[in-house]
Amino acid sequence: MDDGRPTPAAATHTVEAVPTTSKILVLAGIALAIAATVAAIVILATTGVGTAVLIVLIVPGLSLIWLLRPGSARPAERVSGWRNPTLEISPWPVRLGSSVTAVYRRQPVNKRTVEKAAGSIQLDTELICEEWVQYTVGTDTRTETDDVFETSWSEAMSVGEDGVEAIIRFSIPVDRGGPSIHLDHSRLRWRVDQRLGRPFGPLTETRIDLDVVSAIDRDAVLGEGTYDRGERR
């Protein structure tokens, strides 16, 4: 019943994304190994074995010192060229059926990153609901995961000196996935995976774990204009 009072504004929550550090560190390690090997081959062909071995030892060491040096940027941010992004999510908390609006913001580590982006860039986003189950068969412990819901899309963004900003919209389905569950041997996990497109790509991948509460957003489900993105499995 309408009692004449204005409808309260939806609560907003800002969360910092977590970089996919395993991929970043693996790619960085591969790049360092390739650089050191190439340098060693060149030096070996022109000078001798001792110098080549020295190059193999020095190049990764100096790179590691650069990566871990003190400063405002964290190692993963130095490798990717971008600071960890934030998502300003509304409404909060997120419920089943919610039509979510999120503001994505990310700042470059230095001016070279902005120049490399050449003024425009794509933001690739995936919304995933993953089921995780761990069980025992005899003396063996087994783990299985399955994406029960997945949708993806891209947004075009302009790059400025202060970084990038994009408004993304998606809906949490009522009939796929369900609310988040965090039990010892059974979990249902929602997450938002994002990365910047060319020329950056995998090094900028991040993840946000999205808790979906055990409630239905009646206004969104019964109203009009819910957002539907990509393909559903």
Protein backbone atom coordinates (compact mmCIF):
# COMPACT_ATOMS: atom_id res chain seq x y z
CA MET A 1 0.00 0.00 0.00
CA ASP A 2 1.26 3.46 -0.89
CA ASP A 3 1.40 5.52 2.30
CA GLY A 4 2.56 8.66 0.51
CA ARG A 5 6.16 8.47 1.71
CA PRO A 6 8.94 8.52 -0.92
CA THR A 7 10.57 5.21 -1.80
CA PRO A 8 14.00 4.98 -0.16
CA ALA A 9 16.99 4.98 -2.49
CA ALA A 10 18.68 1.64 -3.08
CA ALA A 11 21.72 1.06 -0.94
CA THR A 12 25.09 1.14 -2.73
CA HIS A 13 28.17 -0.92 -1.91
CA THR A 14 31.68 -0.41 -3.29
CA VAL A 15 34.08 -3.35 -3.46
CA GLU A 16 37.65 -3.63 -4.75
CA ALA A 17 38.26 -6.41 -7.27
CA VAL A 18 40.85 -9.11 -6.64
CA PRO A 19 43.43 -9.57 -9.43
CA THR A 20 43.81 -13.06 -10.83
CA THR A 21 47.35 -13.12 -9.51
CA SER A 22 48.13 -16.72 -10.45
CA LYS A 23 47.74 -15.95 -14.15
CA ILE A 24 49.58 -12.65 -13.84
CA LEU A 25 52.55 -14.20 -12.05
CA VAL A 26 52.72 -17.15 -14.44
CA LEU A 27 52.70 -14.87 -17.48
CA ALA A 28 55.28 -12.58 -15.87
CA GLY A 29 57.50 -15.56 -15.02
CA ILE A 30 57.27 -16.89 -18.57
CA ALA A 31 58.16 -13.47 -19.96
CA LEU A 32 61.18 -13.20 -17.66
CA ALA A 33 62.37 -16.70 -18.54
CA ILE A 34 62.08 -16.00 -22.28
CA ALA A 35 63.90 -12.67 -21.96
CA ALA A 36 66.74 -14.20 -19.94
CA THR A 37 67.09 -17.17 -22.32
CA VAL A 38 67.19 -15.00 -25.44
CA ALA A 39 69.76 -12.70 -23.84
CA ALA A 40 71.87 -15.70 -22.79
CA ILE A 41 71.84 -17.17 -26.30
CA VAL A 42 72.92 -13.88 -27.83
CA ILE A 43 75.69 -13.36 -25.26
CA LEU A 44 76.82 -16.99 -25.57
CA ALA A 45 77.19 -16.59 -29.32
CA THR A 46 79.28 -13.43 -28.99
CA THR A 47 81.27 -13.85 -25.77
CA GLY A 48 81.25 -16.94 -23.60
CA VAL A 49 79.45 -19.34 -21.27
CA GLY A 50 80.25 -17.42 -18.09
CA THR A 51 78.64 -14.21 -19.28
CA ALA A 52 75.58 -16.08 -20.57
CA VAL A 53 75.07 -17.79 -17.21
CA LEU A 54 75.44 -14.43 -15.47
CA ILE A 55 72.72 -12.92 -17.70
CA VAL A 56 70.33 -15.79 -16.88
CA LEU A 57 70.82 -15.09 -13.17
CA ILE A 58 70.77 -11.28 -13.30
CA VAL A 59 67.79 -10.58 -15.60
CA PRO A 60 65.13 -12.38 -13.49
CA GLY A 61 66.67 -11.01 -10.29
CA LEU A 62 66.56 -7.39 -11.41
CA SER A 63 63.02 -7.88 -12.72
CA LEU A 64 61.94 -9.28 -9.36
CA ILE A 65 63.48 -6.28 -7.57
CA TRP A 66 61.57 -3.93 -9.89
CA LEU A 67 58.34 -5.85 -9.28
CA LEU A 68 58.66 -5.81 -5.48
CA ARG A 69 60.16 -2.34 -5.04
CA PRO A 70 58.43 -0.02 -2.54
CA GLY A 71 55.83 2.37 -3.86
CA SER A 72 52.14 3.09 -4.15
CA ALA A 73 51.49 0.40 -6.78
CA ARG A 74 51.26 -3.27 -5.81
CA PRO A 75 53.17 -5.97 -7.78
CA ALA A 76 50.08 -7.16 -9.69
CA GLU A 77 49.28 -3.55 -10.61
CA ARG A 78 52.81 -2.95 -11.90
CA VAL A 79 52.59 -6.02 -14.13
CA SER A 80 49.15 -5.14 -15.54
CA GLY A 81 49.71 -1.37 -15.76
CA TRP A 82 46.41 -0.69 -13.96
CA ARG A 83 45.41 -0.34 -10.34
CA ASN A 84 42.86 -2.79 -8.99
CA PRO A 85 39.38 -1.69 -10.13
CA THR A 86 36.38 -1.00 -7.94
CA LEU A 87 32.73 -1.77 -8.57
CA GLU A 88 30.05 0.45 -7.04
CA ILE A 89 27.09 -1.95 -6.86
CA SER A 90 23.41 -1.01 -6.50
CA PRO A 91 21.05 -2.23 -5.14
CA TRP A 92 22.76 -3.73 -2.12
CA PRO A 93 22.38 -6.39 -0.88
CA VAL A 94 21.96 -8.28 -4.14
CA ARG A 95 18.92 -10.58 -4.25
CA LEU A 96 17.55 -13.16 -6.63
CA GLY A 97 15.98 -11.34 -9.55
CA SER A 98 17.83 -8.08 -8.82
CA SER A 99 18.57 -5.81 -11.76
CA VAL A 100 22.03 -4.62 -10.81
CA THR A 101 23.74 -1.41 -11.91
CA ALA A 102 27.48 -1.28 -11.24
CA VAL A 103 29.98 1.49 -11.90
CA TYR A 104 33.41 0.15 -12.89
CA ARG A 105 36.39 2.43 -12.19
CA ARG A 106 40.08 1.80 -12.77
CA GLN A 107 43.14 4.05 -12.75
CA PRO A 108 46.37 3.62 -14.74
CA VAL A 109 49.67 3.18 -12.89
CA ASN A 110 51.41 5.73 -15.13
CA LYS A 111 51.00 7.82 -18.28
CA ARG A 112 52.48 5.09 -20.49
CA THR A 113 49.45 2.94 -19.77
CA VAL A 114 47.11 5.71 -20.98
CA GLU A 115 49.17 6.21 -24.14
CA LYS A 116 49.12 2.47 -24.81
CA ALA A 117 45.30 2.42 -24.61
CA ALA A 118 45.11 4.98 -27.45
CA GLY A 119 41.94 6.67 -26.15
CA SER A 120 39.46 3.76 -26.28
CA ILE A 121 39.21 0.29 -24.79
CA GLN A 122 36.78 -2.59 -24.26
CA LEU A 123 35.67 -3.91 -20.87
CA ASP A 124 34.84 -7.63 -21.00
CA THR A 125 32.57 -8.88 -18.21
CA GLU A 126 31.36 -12.35 -17.18
CA LEU A 127 28.70 -13.10 -14.56
CA ILE A 128 29.09 -16.66 -13.32
CA CYS A 129 27.36 -18.85 -10.76
CA GLU A 130 29.56 -21.80 -9.86
CA GLU A 131 28.56 -24.88 -7.88
CA TRP A 132 31.38 -26.45 -5.85
CA VAL A 133 30.99 -29.86 -4.19
CA GLN A 134 33.50 -31.93 -2.26
CA TYR A 135 32.76 -35.54 -1.33
CA THR A 136 34.49 -38.75 -0.26
CA VAL A 137 34.53 -42.06 -2.11
CA GLY A 138 36.26 -44.67 0.02
CA THR A 139 39.51 -43.02 1.08
CA ASP A 140 39.58 -40.53 -1.82
CA THR A 141 38.36 -36.94 -1.52
CA ARG A 142 36.99 -35.60 -4.77
CA THR A 143 36.03 -32.09 -5.82
CA GLU A 144 33.74 -31.11 -8.67
CA THR A 145 32.78 -27.69 -10.00
CA ASP A 146 30.15 -26.71 -12.52
CA ASP A 147 29.04 -23.35 -13.91
CA VAL A 148 25.26 -23.47 -13.51
CA PHE A 149 24.84 -19.99 -14.97
CA GLU A 150 27.12 -17.93 -17.20
CA THR A 151 26.64 -14.81 -19.28
CA SER A 152 29.13 -12.38 -20.82
CA TRP A 153 29.21 -9.06 -22.65
CA SER A 154 31.49 -6.13 -23.54
CA GLU A 155 31.33 -2.39 -23.00
CA ALA A 156 33.20 0.34 -24.88
CA MET A 157 34.98 2.91 -22.69
CA SER A 158 36.96 6.06 -23.22
CA VAL A 159 40.34 6.41 -21.54
CA GLY A 160 41.30 9.65 -19.81
CA GLU A 161 44.18 10.77 -17.63
CA ASP A 162 42.24 9.65 -14.55
CA GLY A 163 41.56 6.19 -15.99
CA VAL A 164 38.39 4.48 -17.19
CA GLU A 165 34.81 4.37 -15.99
CA ALA A 166 31.91 2.29 -17.27
CA ILE A 167 28.34 1.57 -16.19
CA ILE A 168 27.44 -2.09 -16.48
CA ARG A 169 24.04 -3.69 -15.97
CA PHE A 170 23.05 -7.29 -15.37
CA SER A 171 20.33 -9.30 -13.64
CA ILE A 172 20.51 -12.20 -11.18
CA PRO A 173 18.13 -14.89 -12.46
CA VAL A 174 15.48 -16.30 -10.16
CA ASP A 175 15.44 -19.72 -11.81
CA ARG A 176 19.19 -20.38 -12.21
CA GLY A 177 21.79 -20.78 -9.50
CA GLY A 178 20.02 -19.65 -6.34
CA PRO A 179 21.41 -17.71 -3.37
CA SER A 180 25.06 -17.95 -2.31
CA ILE A 181 25.90 -20.94 -0.11
CA HIS A 182 29.12 -21.25 1.93
CA LEU A 183 29.29 -24.70 3.58
CA ASP A 184 32.30 -26.92 4.26
CA HIS A 185 31.56 -29.36 1.44
CA SER A 186 29.01 -27.52 -0.71
CA ARG A 187 29.12 -23.99 -2.08
CA LEU A 188 27.24 -21.90 -4.56
CA ARG A 189 29.37 -18.94 -5.58
CA TRP A 190 28.47 -15.94 -7.71
CA ARG A 191 31.30 -13.90 -9.17
CA VAL A 192 31.96 -11.12 -11.67
CA ASP A 193 35.07 -11.67 -13.81
CA GLN A 194 36.35 -8.68 -15.78
CA ARG A 195 39.29 -7.68 -17.90
CA LEU A 196 40.32 -4.88 -20.22
CA GLY A 197 40.50 -5.66 -23.93
CA ARG A 198 43.35 -5.05 -26.33
CA PRO A 199 46.12 -4.12 -25.98
CA PHE A 200 46.03 -5.35 -22.35
CA GLY A 201 44.00 -8.56 -22.07
CA PRO A 202 44.74 -11.39 -19.58
CA LEU A 203 47.12 -9.36 -17.41
CA THR A 204 44.20 -7.16 -16.31
CA GLU A 205 41.86 -10.00 -15.27
CA THR A 206 40.11 -9.50 -11.93
CA ARG A 207 37.38 -11.19 -9.89
CA ILE A 208 34.70 -10.00 -7.51
CA ASP A 209 32.88 -12.52 -5.34
CA LEU A 210 29.24 -11.47 -5.27
CA ASP A 211 27.11 -12.64 -2.35
CA VAL A 212 23.47 -13.13 -3.37
CA VAL A 213 21.20 -13.21 -0.32
CA SER A 214 18.39 -15.70 0.16
CA ALA A 215 15.57 -13.35 -0.83
CA ILE A 216 13.72 -12.37 -4.00
CA ASP A 217 13.80 -8.81 -5.30
CA ARG A 218 10.04 -8.51 -5.79
CA ASP A 219 10.19 -5.05 -7.35
CA ALA A 220 12.62 -6.20 -10.03
CA VAL A 221 10.83 -9.50 -10.74
CA LEU A 222 7.34 -8.00 -10.94
CA GLY A 223 8.43 -4.77 -12.62
CA GLU A 224 9.51 -4.10 -16.16
CA GLY A 225 12.82 -3.74 -17.92
CA THR A 226 15.09 -6.39 -16.38
CA TYR A 227 18.46 -6.73 -18.04
CA ASP A 228 19.37 -9.88 -19.92
CA ARG A 229 22.96 -10.38 -21.07
CA GLY A 230 24.56 -12.98 -23.34
CA GLU A 231 23.97 -16.70 -23.52
CA ARG A 232 22.78 -18.86 -20.67
CA ARG A 233 23.84 -22.40 -20.08
